[in-house]
Amino acid sequence: MELEDIEIDHETMKLEIDIMDVPSNCVIVISEGKAKLRALPAHGEYKIITHKGKVSRMRIEQGEEF
């Protein structure tokens, strides 16, 4: 599951997303004028790590039912 950059219109500072073009379960993170989208796993944890008020990392831990 790779991060996908999403374009922000820097003139209007608006983010427009066609929900038909994104996964049904996903997360969009906005930090410092950048937006990124990632599909969520069927099982697991998704962690967003911040440092000094900014997103520094996005980490996923996947698992599966036993």
N, C-alpha and C. Protein backbone atom coordinates (compact mmCIF):
# COMPACT_ATOMS: atom_id res chain seq x y z
N MET A 1 0.84 -1.18 0.00
CA MET A 1 0.00 0.00 0.00
C MET A 1 0.88 1.23 0.00
N GLU A 2 0.93 1.87 -1.09
CA GLU A 2 1.81 3.00 -1.25
C GLU A 2 1.07 4.31 -1.00
N LEU A 3 1.78 5.30 -0.51
CA LEU A 3 1.19 6.62 -0.33
C LEU A 3 0.96 7.25 -1.68
N GLU A 4 -0.12 7.98 -1.79
CA GLU A 4 -0.44 8.67 -3.03
C GLU A 4 -0.58 10.16 -2.71
N ASP A 5 0.17 11.00 -3.44
CA ASP A 5 0.05 12.44 -3.24
C ASP A 5 -1.27 12.92 -3.85
N ILE A 6 -1.90 13.87 -3.18
CA ILE A 6 -3.13 14.47 -3.68
C ILE A 6 -2.84 15.95 -3.88
N GLU A 7 -3.26 16.46 -5.02
CA GLU A 7 -2.99 17.86 -5.35
C GLU A 7 -3.91 18.80 -4.56
N ILE A 8 -3.30 19.82 -3.97
CA ILE A 8 -4.04 20.91 -3.33
C ILE A 8 -3.90 22.11 -4.24
N ASP A 9 -5.02 22.76 -4.56
CA ASP A 9 -4.98 23.97 -5.37
C ASP A 9 -4.41 25.08 -4.49
N HIS A 10 -3.16 25.46 -4.73
CA HIS A 10 -2.49 26.42 -3.86
C HIS A 10 -3.02 27.84 -4.04
N GLU A 11 -3.77 28.07 -5.10
CA GLU A 11 -4.37 29.38 -5.30
C GLU A 11 -5.57 29.56 -4.37
N THR A 12 -6.41 28.53 -4.29
CA THR A 12 -7.61 28.60 -3.45
C THR A 12 -7.43 27.87 -2.13
N MET A 13 -6.34 27.08 -2.01
CA MET A 13 -6.06 26.23 -0.84
C MET A 13 -7.21 25.26 -0.57
N LYS A 14 -7.78 24.72 -1.67
CA LYS A 14 -8.85 23.73 -1.56
C LYS A 14 -8.37 22.38 -2.06
N LEU A 15 -8.93 21.36 -1.47
CA LEU A 15 -8.62 19.98 -1.82
C LEU A 15 -9.92 19.36 -2.31
N GLU A 16 -9.94 18.92 -3.55
CA GLU A 16 -11.14 18.28 -4.09
C GLU A 16 -10.82 16.83 -4.41
N ILE A 17 -11.70 15.93 -3.94
CA ILE A 17 -11.48 14.50 -4.12
C ILE A 17 -12.76 13.88 -4.66
N ASP A 18 -12.62 13.12 -5.72
CA ASP A 18 -13.75 12.35 -6.26
C ASP A 18 -13.78 11.03 -5.51
N ILE A 19 -14.78 10.84 -4.68
CA ILE A 19 -14.80 9.64 -3.83
C ILE A 19 -14.95 8.36 -4.64
N MET A 20 -15.27 8.45 -5.90
CA MET A 20 -15.34 7.26 -6.75
C MET A 20 -13.94 6.82 -7.18
N ASP A 21 -12.95 7.68 -7.01
CA ASP A 21 -11.58 7.38 -7.44
C ASP A 21 -10.66 6.95 -6.29
N VAL A 22 -11.18 6.88 -5.07
CA VAL A 22 -10.34 6.50 -3.93
C VAL A 22 -10.85 5.17 -3.36
N PRO A 23 -9.98 4.44 -2.66
CA PRO A 23 -10.41 3.18 -2.04
C PRO A 23 -11.56 3.41 -1.06
N SER A 24 -12.39 2.39 -0.86
CA SER A 24 -13.55 2.57 0.04
C SER A 24 -13.13 2.76 1.49
N ASN A 25 -11.97 2.24 1.88
CA ASN A 25 -11.43 2.45 3.22
C ASN A 25 -10.03 3.05 3.08
N CYS A 26 -9.92 4.32 3.38
CA CYS A 26 -8.63 5.00 3.23
C CYS A 26 -8.51 6.12 4.25
N VAL A 27 -7.32 6.68 4.32
CA VAL A 27 -7.06 7.82 5.20
C VAL A 27 -6.38 8.90 4.35
N ILE A 28 -6.77 10.15 4.60
CA ILE A 28 -6.13 11.29 3.95
C ILE A 28 -5.54 12.15 5.06
N VAL A 29 -4.24 12.43 4.96
CA VAL A 29 -3.55 13.22 5.97
C VAL A 29 -3.05 14.50 5.31
N ILE A 30 -3.31 15.62 5.96
CA ILE A 30 -2.88 16.93 5.46
C ILE A 30 -1.92 17.54 6.47
N SER A 31 -0.75 17.95 6.00
CA SER A 31 0.25 18.58 6.86
C SER A 31 1.15 19.47 6.02
N GLU A 32 1.36 20.67 6.50
CA GLU A 32 2.29 21.60 5.84
C GLU A 32 1.94 21.84 4.37
N GLY A 33 0.67 21.93 4.04
CA GLY A 33 0.25 22.21 2.68
C GLY A 33 0.36 21.03 1.73
N LYS A 34 0.60 19.83 2.26
CA LYS A 34 0.66 18.62 1.44
C LYS A 34 -0.43 17.67 1.90
N ALA A 35 -0.98 16.91 0.96
CA ALA A 35 -1.99 15.91 1.30
C ALA A 35 -1.56 14.57 0.75
N LYS A 36 -1.75 13.52 1.54
CA LYS A 36 -1.40 12.17 1.12
C LYS A 36 -2.55 11.23 1.45
N LEU A 37 -2.77 10.27 0.57
CA LEU A 37 -3.83 9.28 0.74
C LEU A 37 -3.21 7.90 0.80
N ARG A 38 -3.75 7.06 1.67
CA ARG A 38 -3.31 5.67 1.73
C ARG A 38 -4.52 4.80 2.01
N ALA A 39 -4.60 3.67 1.28
CA ALA A 39 -5.65 2.70 1.53
C ALA A 39 -5.37 2.01 2.86
N LEU A 40 -6.41 1.70 3.61
CA LEU A 40 -6.25 1.03 4.89
C LEU A 40 -6.25 -0.48 4.68
N PRO A 41 -5.47 -1.20 5.50
CA PRO A 41 -5.41 -2.66 5.36
C PRO A 41 -6.69 -3.30 5.93
N ALA A 42 -6.94 -4.54 5.55
CA ALA A 42 -8.09 -5.26 6.08
C ALA A 42 -7.95 -5.47 7.58
N HIS A 43 -6.74 -5.75 8.04
CA HIS A 43 -6.45 -5.93 9.46
C HIS A 43 -5.14 -5.23 9.77
N GLY A 44 -5.09 -4.49 10.84
CA GLY A 44 -3.83 -3.85 11.21
C GLY A 44 -4.05 -2.51 11.88
N GLU A 45 -2.94 -1.84 12.12
CA GLU A 45 -2.94 -0.51 12.72
C GLU A 45 -2.22 0.45 11.79
N TYR A 46 -2.71 1.67 11.76
CA TYR A 46 -2.08 2.71 10.97
C TYR A 46 -1.72 3.83 11.92
N LYS A 47 -0.45 4.17 12.02
CA LYS A 47 0.00 5.19 12.96
C LYS A 47 0.51 6.41 12.22
N ILE A 48 0.10 7.57 12.70
CA ILE A 48 0.57 8.84 12.16
C ILE A 48 1.44 9.45 13.24
N ILE A 49 2.72 9.62 12.95
CA ILE A 49 3.70 10.11 13.91
C ILE A 49 3.93 11.60 13.64
N THR A 50 3.83 12.41 14.68
CA THR A 50 4.07 13.85 14.52
C THR A 50 5.28 14.28 15.33
N HIS A 51 5.87 15.38 14.91
CA HIS A 51 7.01 15.97 15.61
C HIS A 51 6.90 17.48 15.44
N LYS A 52 6.85 18.19 16.55
CA LYS A 52 6.73 19.66 16.55
C LYS A 52 5.52 20.12 15.73
N GLY A 53 4.42 19.42 15.86
CA GLY A 53 3.18 19.83 15.20
C GLY A 53 3.09 19.49 13.73
N LYS A 54 4.03 18.71 13.21
CA LYS A 54 4.02 18.34 11.80
C LYS A 54 4.04 16.82 11.69
N VAL A 55 3.45 16.29 10.63
CA VAL A 55 3.50 14.85 10.40
C VAL A 55 4.90 14.50 9.94
N SER A 56 5.54 13.58 10.65
CA SER A 56 6.89 13.19 10.26
C SER A 56 6.91 11.82 9.60
N ARG A 57 6.00 10.93 10.01
CA ARG A 57 5.96 9.59 9.44
C ARG A 57 4.55 9.04 9.49
N MET A 58 4.30 8.11 8.60
CA MET A 58 3.05 7.35 8.58
C MET A 58 3.46 5.88 8.52
N ARG A 59 3.05 5.12 9.53
CA ARG A 59 3.52 3.74 9.63
C ARG A 59 2.33 2.79 9.74
N ILE A 60 2.45 1.62 9.09
CA ILE A 60 1.40 0.63 9.11
C ILE A 60 1.93 -0.66 9.71
N GLU A 61 1.11 -1.30 10.54
CA GLU A 61 1.41 -2.62 11.09
C GLU A 61 0.25 -3.53 10.70
N GLN A 62 0.54 -4.51 9.87
CA GLN A 62 -0.51 -5.38 9.38
C GLN A 62 -0.54 -6.71 10.12
N GLY A 63 -1.68 -7.32 10.13
CA GLY A 63 -1.86 -8.63 10.74
C GLY A 63 -2.94 -9.37 9.98
N GLU A 64 -3.22 -10.56 10.44
CA GLU A 64 -4.30 -11.31 9.83
C GLU A 64 -4.97 -12.14 10.91
N GLU A 65 -6.23 -12.46 10.70
CA GLU A 65 -7.00 -13.26 11.65
C GLU A 65 -6.42 -14.67 11.70
N PHE A 66 -6.37 -15.27 12.90
CA PHE A 66 -5.84 -16.61 13.07
C PHE A 66 -6.99 -17.61 13.10
